[in-house]
Amino acid sequence: MKKILIVEDDRRIAQNIFRGLATENFESEIAYDGITGKQLALDKKFDLVLLDVNLPGMKGYDVCQQIRIYKPTLPIIMLTAYGEIEDKIEGLSRGADDYIVKPFDFRELLARINAQLRVSEVNNPEVTDKILRIADLEMNLGTKQVKRAGNMIDLTAKEFALLEYFLLHRGRVVSKMDLAEHVWHLNFDPGTNVVEVYINYLRKKVDKDFPTKLIHTRPGMGYIMKEE
């Protein structure tokens, strides 16, 4: 069963979409503000996001852009009362795949959803086939297994997310601000040491017992994953 995230502050519209999708055998979840919508999209697995533009807390354009950074292949359809060409261009330029103007017929929305899901299935192989690697470290995004030199490494959910972000950005310096925002989905607080704490946890598991270190500190800049 495909799962869809509905990010819409108008409760009547959100509930109508929810009920309509249920009759078509979709599973749905609703967020009524932009911040909650962004967190759900990044923390959970959805097959598609329906995203309103004019949201409290965080505008839909900004939510779309944040989702795109971390989940570049997740289909996003924007829902809005704005029909001007500039608004459509803004949404598409921020990463939306499609754009539908309110009020809309549910049959059209359903057709657009199915079209995006077909495109997604054609363009993106199953996540079970996606392996991230560097040196002798291997992460399977489907089975959530991590191995180094053939040895299984047990990680917590947050350690896994941190390592995944490093692997997706291997060879590039990432700042503590980047990690706080994209792994913890928080505005960076310079007074917290949560990033350093989890970097240490991760190093103990993936680097400590191996001759080649992969996670390196760049003083004043952040961290980088590379063979060195």
N, C-alpha and C. Protein backbone atom coordinates (compact mmCIF):
# COMPACT_ATOMS: atom_id res chain seq x y z
N MET A 1 0.84 -1.19 0.00
CA MET A 1 0.00 0.00 0.00
C MET A 1 0.88 1.25 0.00
N LYS A 2 0.65 2.14 -0.96
CA LYS A 2 1.42 3.36 -1.04
C LYS A 2 1.02 4.32 0.08
N LYS A 3 2.01 5.06 0.60
CA LYS A 3 1.75 5.97 1.71
C LYS A 3 2.01 7.41 1.29
N ILE A 4 1.03 8.27 1.56
CA ILE A 4 1.10 9.67 1.13
C ILE A 4 1.02 10.60 2.33
N LEU A 5 1.88 11.60 2.34
CA LEU A 5 1.85 12.65 3.36
C LEU A 5 1.08 13.84 2.83
N ILE A 6 0.05 14.27 3.58
CA ILE A 6 -0.75 15.43 3.22
C ILE A 6 -0.36 16.57 4.15
N VAL A 7 0.23 17.63 3.61
CA VAL A 7 0.61 18.80 4.42
C VAL A 7 -0.31 19.94 4.01
N GLU A 8 -1.34 20.18 4.81
CA GLU A 8 -2.41 21.11 4.46
C GLU A 8 -3.02 21.68 5.74
N ASP A 9 -3.05 23.02 5.88
CA ASP A 9 -3.56 23.62 7.11
C ASP A 9 -5.09 23.74 7.13
N ASP A 10 -5.74 23.66 5.98
CA ASP A 10 -7.19 23.67 5.93
C ASP A 10 -7.69 22.27 6.26
N ARG A 11 -8.24 22.11 7.46
CA ARG A 11 -8.60 20.78 7.94
C ARG A 11 -9.68 20.12 7.09
N ARG A 12 -10.59 20.91 6.58
CA ARG A 12 -11.64 20.34 5.73
C ARG A 12 -11.05 19.74 4.46
N ILE A 13 -10.16 20.51 3.81
CA ILE A 13 -9.52 20.01 2.59
C ILE A 13 -8.67 18.78 2.89
N ALA A 14 -7.89 18.86 3.98
CA ALA A 14 -7.01 17.74 4.34
C ALA A 14 -7.81 16.47 4.59
N GLN A 15 -8.91 16.60 5.33
CA GLN A 15 -9.72 15.42 5.64
C GLN A 15 -10.42 14.87 4.40
N ASN A 16 -10.84 15.76 3.51
CA ASN A 16 -11.47 15.29 2.27
C ASN A 16 -10.48 14.50 1.42
N ILE A 17 -9.23 15.01 1.33
CA ILE A 17 -8.20 14.29 0.58
C ILE A 17 -7.91 12.95 1.25
N PHE A 18 -7.80 12.97 2.57
CA PHE A 18 -7.52 11.75 3.34
C PHE A 18 -8.57 10.68 3.07
N ARG A 19 -9.85 11.07 3.14
CA ARG A 19 -10.93 10.10 2.91
C ARG A 19 -10.95 9.62 1.46
N GLY A 20 -10.70 10.54 0.53
CA GLY A 20 -10.67 10.15 -0.88
C GLY A 20 -9.56 9.16 -1.17
N LEU A 21 -8.39 9.39 -0.60
CA LEU A 21 -7.27 8.48 -0.83
C LEU A 21 -7.53 7.11 -0.19
N ALA A 22 -8.20 7.11 0.96
CA ALA A 22 -8.51 5.84 1.63
C ALA A 22 -9.39 4.96 0.75
N THR A 23 -10.32 5.59 0.02
CA THR A 23 -11.20 4.81 -0.86
C THR A 23 -10.44 4.24 -2.05
N GLU A 24 -9.25 4.81 -2.34
CA GLU A 24 -8.42 4.33 -3.45
C GLU A 24 -7.27 3.46 -2.95
N ASN A 25 -7.38 3.02 -1.69
CA ASN A 25 -6.41 2.09 -1.07
C ASN A 25 -5.03 2.72 -0.86
N PHE A 26 -5.01 4.02 -0.59
CA PHE A 26 -3.78 4.67 -0.16
C PHE A 26 -3.82 4.82 1.36
N GLU A 27 -2.65 4.74 1.97
CA GLU A 27 -2.50 5.08 3.38
C GLU A 27 -2.00 6.51 3.46
N SER A 28 -2.57 7.31 4.34
CA SER A 28 -2.20 8.73 4.40
C SER A 28 -1.94 9.18 5.83
N GLU A 29 -1.17 10.25 5.95
CA GLU A 29 -0.95 10.92 7.22
C GLU A 29 -1.04 12.42 6.96
N ILE A 30 -1.57 13.16 7.93
CA ILE A 30 -1.80 14.59 7.76
C ILE A 30 -0.92 15.40 8.70
N ALA A 31 -0.33 16.48 8.17
CA ALA A 31 0.34 17.51 8.98
C ALA A 31 -0.35 18.83 8.67
N TYR A 32 -0.63 19.61 9.72
CA TYR A 32 -1.38 20.84 9.52
C TYR A 32 -0.50 22.10 9.53
N ASP A 33 0.81 21.93 9.61
CA ASP A 33 1.72 23.08 9.53
C ASP A 33 3.01 22.65 8.85
N GLY A 34 3.78 23.64 8.39
CA GLY A 34 4.96 23.35 7.60
C GLY A 34 6.07 22.66 8.36
N ILE A 35 6.30 23.05 9.60
CA ILE A 35 7.40 22.46 10.37
C ILE A 35 7.14 20.98 10.64
N THR A 36 5.90 20.65 11.06
CA THR A 36 5.55 19.25 11.29
C THR A 36 5.63 18.46 9.99
N GLY A 37 5.15 19.07 8.91
CA GLY A 37 5.21 18.39 7.62
C GLY A 37 6.62 18.06 7.20
N LYS A 38 7.52 19.02 7.36
CA LYS A 38 8.92 18.78 7.01
C LYS A 38 9.51 17.64 7.85
N GLN A 39 9.25 17.66 9.15
CA GLN A 39 9.82 16.63 10.03
C GLN A 39 9.28 15.25 9.68
N LEU A 40 7.98 15.16 9.41
CA LEU A 40 7.42 13.87 9.04
C LEU A 40 8.00 13.37 7.73
N ALA A 41 8.13 14.26 6.75
CA ALA A 41 8.66 13.87 5.44
C ALA A 41 10.09 13.35 5.55
N LEU A 42 10.87 13.94 6.44
CA LEU A 42 12.27 13.54 6.58
C LEU A 42 12.45 12.33 7.50
N ASP A 43 11.56 12.19 8.48
CA ASP A 43 11.72 11.12 9.46
C ASP A 43 11.07 9.81 9.06
N LYS A 44 10.02 9.87 8.24
CA LYS A 44 9.27 8.67 7.88
C LYS A 44 9.39 8.37 6.39
N LYS A 45 8.94 7.18 6.01
CA LYS A 45 8.98 6.78 4.60
C LYS A 45 7.61 7.04 3.98
N PHE A 46 7.58 7.91 2.99
CA PHE A 46 6.38 8.17 2.21
C PHE A 46 6.71 7.96 0.74
N ASP A 47 5.68 7.64 -0.02
CA ASP A 47 5.85 7.45 -1.47
C ASP A 47 5.60 8.73 -2.23
N LEU A 48 4.90 9.70 -1.59
CA LEU A 48 4.59 10.97 -2.25
C LEU A 48 4.13 11.97 -1.20
N VAL A 49 4.37 13.25 -1.47
CA VAL A 49 3.93 14.33 -0.57
C VAL A 49 3.00 15.27 -1.32
N LEU A 50 1.84 15.55 -0.72
CA LEU A 50 0.95 16.60 -1.19
C LEU A 50 1.18 17.80 -0.29
N LEU A 51 1.63 18.91 -0.85
CA LEU A 51 2.15 20.01 -0.05
C LEU A 51 1.48 21.33 -0.39
N ASP A 52 0.77 21.90 0.59
CA ASP A 52 0.16 23.21 0.41
C ASP A 52 1.25 24.28 0.43
N VAL A 53 1.00 25.41 -0.21
CA VAL A 53 1.98 26.50 -0.24
C VAL A 53 1.87 27.38 0.99
N ASN A 54 0.67 27.83 1.30
CA ASN A 54 0.48 28.82 2.36
C ASN A 54 0.25 28.12 3.70
N LEU A 55 1.34 27.73 4.36
CA LEU A 55 1.27 26.97 5.60
C LEU A 55 1.76 27.80 6.79
N PRO A 56 1.19 27.58 7.98
CA PRO A 56 1.74 28.22 9.18
C PRO A 56 3.05 27.58 9.57
N GLY A 57 3.91 28.33 10.21
CA GLY A 57 5.18 27.80 10.71
C GLY A 57 6.30 27.82 9.70
N MET A 58 6.04 27.31 8.51
CA MET A 58 7.06 27.25 7.46
C MET A 58 6.34 27.15 6.12
N LYS A 59 6.61 28.03 5.21
CA LYS A 59 5.92 28.05 3.93
C LYS A 59 6.22 26.78 3.11
N GLY A 60 5.25 26.41 2.29
CA GLY A 60 5.39 25.20 1.50
C GLY A 60 6.59 25.20 0.58
N TYR A 61 6.92 26.35 -0.01
CA TYR A 61 8.09 26.42 -0.88
C TYR A 61 9.36 26.03 -0.11
N ASP A 62 9.47 26.52 1.14
CA ASP A 62 10.65 26.22 1.95
C ASP A 62 10.66 24.76 2.39
N VAL A 63 9.48 24.23 2.72
CA VAL A 63 9.38 22.81 3.08
C VAL A 63 9.83 21.95 1.90
N CYS A 64 9.35 22.29 0.71
CA CYS A 64 9.71 21.55 -0.50
C CYS A 64 11.23 21.56 -0.70
N GLN A 65 11.82 22.71 -0.55
CA GLN A 65 13.26 22.82 -0.76
C GLN A 65 14.04 22.00 0.25
N GLN A 66 13.59 21.97 1.51
CA GLN A 66 14.26 21.19 2.54
C GLN A 66 14.12 19.69 2.27
N ILE A 67 12.94 19.25 1.86
CA ILE A 67 12.75 17.83 1.54
C ILE A 67 13.67 17.42 0.39
N ARG A 68 13.78 18.29 -0.61
CA ARG A 68 14.59 17.97 -1.78
C ARG A 68 16.06 17.75 -1.43
N ILE A 69 16.56 18.47 -0.44
CA ILE A 69 17.97 18.34 -0.06
C ILE A 69 18.26 16.92 0.42
N TYR A 70 17.36 16.38 1.23
CA TYR A 70 17.63 15.09 1.86
C TYR A 70 16.98 13.92 1.14
N LYS A 71 15.84 14.17 0.46
CA LYS A 71 15.15 13.10 -0.27
C LYS A 71 14.90 13.56 -1.70
N PRO A 72 15.93 13.56 -2.50
CA PRO A 72 15.83 14.15 -3.85
C PRO A 72 14.89 13.44 -4.80
N THR A 73 14.51 12.20 -4.52
CA THR A 73 13.64 11.47 -5.45
C THR A 73 12.20 11.35 -4.97
N LEU A 74 11.87 11.88 -3.81
CA LEU A 74 10.51 11.77 -3.27
C LEU A 74 9.57 12.68 -4.06
N PRO A 75 8.53 12.13 -4.71
CA PRO A 75 7.62 12.97 -5.50
C PRO A 75 6.87 13.97 -4.62
N ILE A 76 6.77 15.22 -5.09
CA ILE A 76 6.07 16.28 -4.37
C ILE A 76 5.10 16.96 -5.33
N ILE A 77 3.83 17.01 -4.94
CA ILE A 77 2.82 17.76 -5.68
C ILE A 77 2.37 18.92 -4.80
N MET A 78 2.47 20.13 -5.31
CA MET A 78 2.09 21.30 -4.53
C MET A 78 0.62 21.64 -4.77
N LEU A 79 -0.08 21.96 -3.66
CA LEU A 79 -1.48 22.35 -3.70
C LEU A 79 -1.57 23.82 -3.31
N THR A 80 -2.23 24.64 -4.11
CA THR A 80 -2.27 26.05 -3.77
C THR A 80 -3.46 26.76 -4.39
N ALA A 81 -3.85 27.85 -3.75
CA ALA A 81 -4.91 28.70 -4.29
C ALA A 81 -4.35 29.68 -5.30
N TYR A 82 -3.01 29.75 -5.39
CA TYR A 82 -2.36 30.69 -6.30
C TYR A 82 -2.17 30.05 -7.67
N GLY A 83 -2.69 30.70 -8.70
CA GLY A 83 -2.59 30.13 -10.04
C GLY A 83 -1.71 30.91 -10.99
N GLU A 84 -1.03 31.95 -10.48
CA GLU A 84 -0.18 32.76 -11.34
C GLU A 84 1.03 31.95 -11.80
N ILE A 85 1.49 32.25 -12.99
CA ILE A 85 2.62 31.51 -13.55
C ILE A 85 3.87 31.66 -12.69
N GLU A 86 4.03 32.85 -12.05
CA GLU A 86 5.21 33.06 -11.19
C GLU A 86 5.19 32.11 -9.99
N ASP A 87 3.98 31.86 -9.45
CA ASP A 87 3.86 30.94 -8.32
C ASP A 87 4.19 29.51 -8.74
N LYS A 88 3.75 29.11 -9.93
CA LYS A 88 4.06 27.78 -10.42
C LYS A 88 5.57 27.62 -10.64
N ILE A 89 6.17 28.63 -11.22
CA ILE A 89 7.62 28.58 -11.46
C ILE A 89 8.38 28.49 -10.14
N GLU A 90 7.91 29.26 -9.14
CA GLU A 90 8.56 29.22 -7.82
C GLU A 90 8.51 27.82 -7.24
N GLY A 91 7.32 27.20 -7.28
CA GLY A 91 7.19 25.86 -6.72
C GLY A 91 8.04 24.84 -7.45
N LEU A 92 8.02 24.90 -8.77
CA LEU A 92 8.81 23.94 -9.56
C LEU A 92 10.30 24.16 -9.38
N SER A 93 10.71 25.42 -9.25
CA SER A 93 12.13 25.72 -9.08
C SER A 93 12.64 25.29 -7.70
N ARG A 94 11.74 25.20 -6.73
CA ARG A 94 12.14 24.74 -5.39
C ARG A 94 12.16 23.22 -5.29
N GLY A 95 11.71 22.53 -6.36
CA GLY A 95 11.83 21.08 -6.37
C GLY A 95 10.54 20.32 -6.51
N ALA A 96 9.39 21.01 -6.66
CA ALA A 96 8.12 20.30 -6.83
C ALA A 96 8.10 19.57 -8.17
N ASP A 97 7.41 18.44 -8.20
CA ASP A 97 7.27 17.67 -9.44
C ASP A 97 6.02 18.06 -10.21
N ASP A 98 5.01 18.53 -9.50
CA ASP A 98 3.76 18.92 -10.15
C ASP A 98 3.08 19.97 -9.28
N TYR A 99 2.02 20.57 -9.83
CA TYR A 99 1.41 21.73 -9.23
C TYR A 99 -0.07 21.71 -9.59
N ILE A 100 -0.96 21.76 -8.59
CA ILE A 100 -2.40 21.77 -8.87
C ILE A 100 -3.06 22.91 -8.10
N VAL A 101 -3.92 23.65 -8.78
CA VAL A 101 -4.53 24.84 -8.20
C VAL A 101 -5.89 24.51 -7.59
N LYS A 102 -6.12 25.02 -6.37
CA LYS A 102 -7.42 24.88 -5.71
C LYS A 102 -8.41 25.88 -6.31
N PRO A 103 -9.69 25.52 -6.33
CA PRO A 103 -10.25 24.20 -6.01
C PRO A 103 -10.00 23.22 -7.15
N PHE A 104 -9.85 21.96 -6.84
CA PHE A 104 -9.59 20.96 -7.87
C PHE A 104 -10.54 19.79 -7.69
N ASP A 105 -10.75 19.08 -8.74
CA ASP A 105 -11.55 17.85 -8.71
C ASP A 105 -10.66 16.73 -8.20
N PHE A 106 -11.15 15.95 -7.24
CA PHE A 106 -10.33 14.88 -6.66
C PHE A 106 -9.85 13.91 -7.73
N ARG A 107 -10.66 13.70 -8.78
CA ARG A 107 -10.26 12.78 -9.83
C ARG A 107 -8.99 13.26 -10.54
N GLU A 108 -8.86 14.58 -10.70
CA GLU A 108 -7.64 15.11 -11.31
C GLU A 108 -6.45 14.93 -10.38
N LEU A 109 -6.67 15.21 -9.09
CA LEU A 109 -5.59 15.02 -8.12
C LEU A 109 -5.13 13.56 -8.12
N LEU A 110 -6.08 12.64 -8.12
CA LEU A 110 -5.74 11.22 -8.12
C LEU A 110 -4.95 10.83 -9.37
N ALA A 111 -5.34 11.39 -10.51
CA ALA A 111 -4.62 11.09 -11.75
C ALA A 111 -3.19 11.61 -11.68
N ARG A 112 -3.01 12.80 -11.11
CA ARG A 112 -1.65 13.36 -10.98
C ARG A 112 -0.81 12.54 -10.00
N ILE A 113 -1.43 12.09 -8.91
CA ILE A 113 -0.71 11.25 -7.95
C ILE A 113 -0.24 9.96 -8.62
N ASN A 114 -1.13 9.30 -9.31
CA ASN A 114 -0.77 8.03 -9.97
C ASN A 114 0.31 8.25 -11.04
N ALA A 115 0.23 9.38 -11.74
CA ALA A 115 1.24 9.67 -12.76
C ALA A 115 2.61 9.84 -12.12
N GLN A 116 2.69 10.57 -11.01
CA GLN A 116 3.97 10.77 -10.34
C GLN A 116 4.51 9.47 -9.75
N LEU A 117 3.63 8.63 -9.23
CA LEU A 117 4.08 7.35 -8.69
C LEU A 117 4.62 6.44 -9.79
N ARG A 118 4.01 6.49 -10.97
CA ARG A 118 4.53 5.69 -12.09
C ARG A 118 5.91 6.16 -12.50
N VAL A 119 6.08 7.48 -12.58
CA VAL A 119 7.39 8.05 -12.93
C VAL A 119 8.43 7.65 -11.89
N SER A 120 8.05 7.73 -10.62
CA SER A 120 8.97 7.39 -9.54
C SER A 120 9.41 5.93 -9.61
N GLU A 121 8.49 5.03 -9.91
CA GLU A 121 8.81 3.61 -9.99
C GLU A 121 9.72 3.30 -11.17
N VAL A 122 9.53 4.02 -12.27
CA VAL A 122 10.37 3.81 -13.46
C VAL A 122 11.78 4.34 -13.24
N ASN A 123 11.87 5.54 -12.65
CA ASN A 123 13.16 6.23 -12.54
C ASN A 123 14.00 5.79 -11.36
N ASN A 124 13.36 5.25 -10.33
CA ASN A 124 14.09 4.95 -9.10
C ASN A 124 13.99 3.47 -8.78
N PRO A 125 15.11 2.75 -8.80
CA PRO A 125 15.09 1.35 -8.42
C PRO A 125 14.71 1.21 -6.96
N GLU A 126 14.28 -0.01 -6.60
CA GLU A 126 13.91 -0.25 -5.21
C GLU A 126 15.06 0.10 -4.28
N VAL A 127 14.70 0.70 -3.14
CA VAL A 127 15.73 1.13 -2.19
C VAL A 127 16.51 -0.06 -1.66
N THR A 128 15.92 -1.27 -1.73
CA THR A 128 16.63 -2.45 -1.26
C THR A 128 17.88 -2.71 -2.08
N ASP A 129 17.96 -2.15 -3.28
CA ASP A 129 19.12 -2.34 -4.13
C ASP A 129 20.16 -1.23 -3.95
N LYS A 130 19.87 -0.26 -3.10
CA LYS A 130 20.76 0.89 -2.99
C LYS A 130 21.79 0.67 -1.89
N ILE A 131 23.04 0.62 -2.29
CA ILE A 131 24.15 0.42 -1.36
C ILE A 131 25.05 1.66 -1.41
N LEU A 132 25.40 2.20 -0.25
CA LEU A 132 26.36 3.29 -0.15
C LEU A 132 27.67 2.72 0.36
N ARG A 133 28.78 3.09 -0.28
CA ARG A 133 30.07 2.52 0.10
C ARG A 133 31.16 3.57 0.14
N ILE A 134 32.12 3.35 1.01
CA ILE A 134 33.41 4.05 0.97
C ILE A 134 34.43 3.10 1.60
N ALA A 135 35.55 2.92 0.93
CA ALA A 135 36.57 1.97 1.39
C ALA A 135 35.90 0.62 1.63
N ASP A 136 36.07 0.04 2.84
CA ASP A 136 35.47 -1.25 3.15
C ASP A 136 34.20 -1.11 3.99
N LEU A 137 33.65 0.11 4.02
CA LEU A 137 32.40 0.37 4.74
C LEU A 137 31.23 0.31 3.76
N GLU A 138 30.16 -0.39 4.16
CA GLU A 138 29.01 -0.58 3.27
C GLU A 138 27.72 -0.38 4.05
N MET A 139 26.81 0.43 3.48
CA MET A 139 25.50 0.66 4.08
C MET A 139 24.41 0.26 3.09
N ASN A 140 23.52 -0.63 3.53
CA ASN A 140 22.38 -1.04 2.71
C ASN A 140 21.16 -0.26 3.20
N LEU A 141 20.63 0.62 2.35
CA LEU A 141 19.52 1.47 2.75
C LEU A 141 18.20 0.71 2.84
N GLY A 142 18.13 -0.44 2.19
CA GLY A 142 16.91 -1.23 2.26
C GLY A 142 16.83 -2.06 3.52
N THR A 143 17.90 -2.81 3.81
CA THR A 143 17.90 -3.68 4.98
C THR A 143 18.36 -2.96 6.25
N LYS A 144 18.86 -1.73 6.09
CA LYS A 144 19.37 -0.93 7.22
C LYS A 144 20.56 -1.61 7.89
N GLN A 145 21.34 -2.35 7.10
CA GLN A 145 22.52 -3.01 7.65
C GLN A 145 23.78 -2.23 7.28
N VAL A 146 24.72 -2.20 8.22
CA VAL A 146 26.01 -1.55 8.00
C VAL A 146 27.10 -2.57 8.29
N LYS A 147 28.06 -2.66 7.36
CA LYS A 147 29.19 -3.57 7.52
C LYS A 147 30.49 -2.83 7.27
N ARG A 148 31.52 -3.25 7.98
CA ARG A 148 32.86 -2.76 7.66
C ARG A 148 33.80 -3.95 7.64
N ALA A 149 34.52 -4.11 6.54
CA ALA A 149 35.40 -5.26 6.34
C ALA A 149 34.64 -6.56 6.55
N GLY A 150 33.36 -6.56 6.17
CA GLY A 150 32.53 -7.75 6.29
C GLY A 150 31.91 -7.96 7.65
N ASN A 151 32.26 -7.12 8.61
CA ASN A 151 31.73 -7.26 9.97
C ASN A 151 30.50 -6.38 10.17
N MET A 152 29.43 -6.95 10.74
CA MET A 152 28.22 -6.19 11.00
C MET A 152 28.46 -5.15 12.10
N ILE A 153 27.90 -3.95 11.91
CA ILE A 153 27.99 -2.88 12.90
C ILE A 153 26.59 -2.48 13.31
N ASP A 154 26.31 -2.56 14.61
CA ASP A 154 24.99 -2.18 15.12
C ASP A 154 24.95 -0.68 15.40
N LEU A 155 24.00 0.01 14.77
CA LEU A 155 23.85 1.44 14.96
C LEU A 155 22.44 1.77 15.45
N THR A 156 22.33 2.82 16.23
CA THR A 156 21.01 3.33 16.58
C THR A 156 20.43 4.05 15.36
N ALA A 157 19.14 4.38 15.41
CA ALA A 157 18.50 5.06 14.28
C ALA A 157 19.19 6.39 13.97
N LYS A 158 19.57 7.14 14.99
CA LYS A 158 20.20 8.44 14.75
C LYS A 158 21.63 8.27 14.26
N GLU A 159 22.35 7.28 14.76
CA GLU A 159 23.69 6.99 14.25
C GLU A 159 23.63 6.58 12.78
N PHE A 160 22.62 5.78 12.43
CA PHE A 160 22.45 5.37 11.04
C PHE A 160 22.19 6.58 10.15
N ALA A 161 21.31 7.48 10.61
CA ALA A 161 21.00 8.69 9.82
C ALA A 161 22.23 9.57 9.66
N LEU A 162 23.04 9.68 10.70
CA LEU A 162 24.26 10.48 10.65
C LEU A 162 25.26 9.87 9.66
N LEU A 163 25.44 8.56 9.72
CA LEU A 163 26.36 7.90 8.80
C LEU A 163 25.86 8.00 7.37
N GLU A 164 24.55 7.87 7.18
CA GLU A 164 23.98 7.99 5.83
C GLU A 164 24.27 9.37 5.26
N TYR A 165 24.12 10.42 6.09
CA TYR A 165 24.38 11.77 5.60
C TYR A 165 25.85 11.92 5.20
N PHE A 166 26.75 11.36 6.01
CA PHE A 166 28.18 11.41 5.67
C PHE A 166 28.45 10.69 4.35
N LEU A 167 27.85 9.53 4.16
CA LEU A 167 28.09 8.76 2.94
C LEU A 167 27.52 9.46 1.71
N LEU A 168 26.36 10.09 1.87
CA LEU A 168 25.78 10.82 0.75
C LEU A 168 26.60 12.05 0.37
N HIS A 169 27.41 12.54 1.33
CA HIS A 169 28.22 13.73 1.09
C HIS A 169 29.71 13.41 1.25
N ARG A 170 30.08 12.17 0.99
CA ARG A 170 31.48 11.76 1.17
C ARG A 170 32.40 12.61 0.29
N GLY A 171 33.55 12.94 0.86
CA GLY A 171 34.50 13.77 0.15
C GLY A 171 34.25 15.26 0.28
N ARG A 172 33.17 15.64 0.97
CA ARG A 172 32.83 17.05 1.16
C ARG A 172 32.81 17.39 2.64
N VAL A 173 33.26 18.58 2.98
CA VAL A 173 33.19 19.04 4.37
C VAL A 173 31.76 19.43 4.69
N VAL A 174 31.23 18.88 5.79
CA VAL A 174 29.90 19.25 6.26
C VAL A 174 30.04 19.89 7.64
N SER A 175 29.34 20.98 7.85
CA SER A 175 29.44 21.71 9.11
C SER A 175 28.53 21.11 10.17
N LYS A 176 28.74 21.51 11.42
CA LYS A 176 27.84 21.09 12.50
C LYS A 176 26.44 21.61 12.24
N MET A 177 26.34 22.78 11.63
CA MET A 177 25.03 23.34 11.29
C MET A 177 24.31 22.45 10.28
N ASP A 178 25.04 21.97 9.26
CA ASP A 178 24.46 21.05 8.27
C ASP A 178 23.91 19.80 8.96
N LEU A 179 24.71 19.22 9.83
CA LEU A 179 24.32 17.98 10.49
C LEU A 179 23.13 18.20 11.42
N ALA A 180 23.13 19.30 12.17
CA ALA A 180 22.01 19.58 13.08
C ALA A 180 20.71 19.74 12.30
N GLU A 181 20.80 20.41 11.16
CA GLU A 181 19.59 20.68 10.37
C GLU A 181 19.09 19.44 9.65
N HIS A 182 19.99 18.67 9.03
CA HIS A 182 19.56 17.59 8.16
C HIS A 182 19.46 16.24 8.83
N VAL A 183 20.14 16.05 9.96
CA VAL A 183 20.04 14.78 10.69
C VAL A 183 19.07 14.91 11.86
N TRP A 184 19.17 16.04 12.59
CA TRP A 184 18.27 16.25 13.72
C TRP A 184 17.08 17.15 13.37
N HIS A 185 17.13 17.81 12.18
CA HIS A 185 16.06 18.71 11.72
C HIS A 185 15.82 19.83 12.73
N LEU A 186 16.92 20.38 13.25
CA LEU A 186 16.86 21.46 14.24
C LEU A 186 17.61 22.67 13.74
N ASN A 187 17.19 23.84 14.19
CA ASN A 187 18.01 25.03 13.99
C ASN A 187 19.24 24.88 14.87
N PHE A 188 20.39 25.20 14.34
CA PHE A 188 21.64 24.94 15.05
C PHE A 188 21.78 25.83 16.28
N ASP A 189 22.04 25.20 17.41
CA ASP A 189 22.31 25.91 18.67
C ASP A 189 23.79 25.75 18.96
N PRO A 190 24.57 26.84 18.86
CA PRO A 190 26.01 26.73 19.08
C PRO A 190 26.38 26.27 20.48
N GLY A 191 25.42 26.31 21.41
CA GLY A 191 25.72 25.91 22.78
C GLY A 191 25.56 24.42 23.02
N THR A 192 25.01 23.69 22.05
CA THR A 192 24.80 22.26 22.25
C THR A 192 25.98 21.46 21.70
N ASN A 193 26.23 20.30 22.30
CA ASN A 193 27.31 19.44 21.81
C ASN A 193 26.78 18.12 21.27
N VAL A 194 25.48 18.09 20.91
CA VAL A 194 24.88 16.83 20.47
C VAL A 194 25.58 16.27 19.24
N VAL A 195 26.01 17.16 18.33
CA VAL A 195 26.69 16.68 17.12
C VAL A 195 28.00 16.00 17.49
N GLU A 196 28.80 16.65 18.31
CA GLU A 196 30.08 16.07 18.71
C GLU A 196 29.90 14.74 19.43
N VAL A 197 28.87 14.66 20.27
CA VAL A 197 28.62 13.43 21.03
C VAL A 197 28.35 12.27 20.08
N TYR A 198 27.49 12.51 19.08
CA TYR A 198 27.15 11.43 18.16
C TYR A 198 28.28 11.13 17.17
N ILE A 199 29.09 12.14 16.85
CA ILE A 199 30.28 11.86 16.03
C ILE A 199 31.19 10.90 16.78
N ASN A 200 31.35 11.11 18.07
CA ASN A 200 32.19 10.21 18.89
C ASN A 200 31.60 8.81 18.95
N TYR A 201 30.27 8.73 19.12
CA TYR A 201 29.62 7.41 19.12
C TYR A 201 29.92 6.68 17.81
N LEU A 202 29.76 7.40 16.71
CA LEU A 202 29.92 6.79 15.39
C LEU A 202 31.37 6.38 15.15
N ARG A 203 32.30 7.23 15.55
CA ARG A 203 33.72 6.89 15.37
C ARG A 203 34.09 5.62 16.12
N LYS A 204 33.57 5.44 17.32
CA LYS A 204 33.88 4.25 18.10
C LYS A 204 33.40 2.99 17.40
N LYS A 205 32.32 3.11 16.64
CA LYS A 205 31.76 1.92 15.99
C LYS A 205 32.33 1.66 14.59
N VAL A 206 32.60 2.72 13.83
CA VAL A 206 33.02 2.49 12.44
C VAL A 206 34.50 2.76 12.18
N ASP A 207 35.20 3.40 13.12
CA ASP A 207 36.60 3.75 12.88
C ASP A 207 37.59 3.16 13.88
N LYS A 208 37.19 3.07 15.15
CA LYS A 208 38.13 2.77 16.23
C LYS A 208 38.95 1.50 15.99
N ASP A 209 38.31 0.44 15.54
CA ASP A 209 39.00 -0.85 15.43
C ASP A 209 39.53 -1.14 14.03
N PHE A 210 39.63 -0.09 13.20
CA PHE A 210 40.07 -0.29 11.82
C PHE A 210 41.25 0.64 11.52
N PRO A 211 42.23 0.16 10.75
CA PRO A 211 43.43 0.97 10.51
C PRO A 211 43.17 2.23 9.70
N THR A 212 42.25 2.17 8.74
CA THR A 212 41.95 3.34 7.91
C THR A 212 40.78 4.10 8.51
N LYS A 213 41.03 5.34 8.92
CA LYS A 213 39.97 6.16 9.51
C LYS A 213 39.20 6.87 8.41
N LEU A 214 37.88 6.99 8.60
CA LEU A 214 37.02 7.56 7.57
C LEU A 214 36.40 8.90 7.97
N ILE A 215 36.16 9.13 9.25
CA ILE A 215 35.53 10.37 9.70
C ILE A 215 36.61 11.29 10.26
N HIS A 216 36.78 12.45 9.64
CA HIS A 216 37.86 13.36 10.00
C HIS A 216 37.30 14.74 10.35
N THR A 217 37.97 15.37 11.33
CA THR A 217 37.60 16.73 11.74
C THR A 217 38.38 17.75 10.94
N ARG A 218 37.70 18.78 10.47
CA ARG A 218 38.35 19.92 9.84
C ARG A 218 38.13 21.12 10.75
N PRO A 219 39.14 21.45 11.58
CA PRO A 219 38.97 22.50 12.59
C PRO A 219 38.40 23.79 12.00
N GLY A 220 37.37 24.30 12.67
CA GLY A 220 36.75 25.54 12.24
C GLY A 220 35.79 25.40 11.08
N MET A 221 35.72 24.20 10.49
CA MET A 221 34.85 24.00 9.32
C MET A 221 33.81 22.90 9.53
N GLY A 222 34.19 21.79 10.13
CA GLY A 222 33.25 20.70 10.33
C GLY A 222 33.91 19.36 10.21
N TYR A 223 33.28 18.45 9.44
CA TYR A 223 33.75 17.07 9.33
C TYR A 223 33.72 16.64 7.87
N ILE A 224 34.52 15.62 7.57
CA ILE A 224 34.54 15.08 6.21
C ILE A 224 34.72 13.57 6.29
N MET A 225 34.00 12.84 5.44
CA MET A 225 34.19 11.39 5.34
C MET A 225 35.00 11.11 4.09
N LYS A 226 36.20 10.53 4.30
CA LYS A 226 37.06 10.18 3.18
C LYS A 226 38.11 9.22 3.68
N GLU A 227 38.74 8.50 2.75
CA GLU A 227 39.86 7.64 3.10
C GLU A 227 41.09 8.50 3.29
N GLU A 228 41.71 8.39 4.44
CA GLU A 228 42.88 9.24 4.71
C GLU A 228 43.82 8.57 5.69
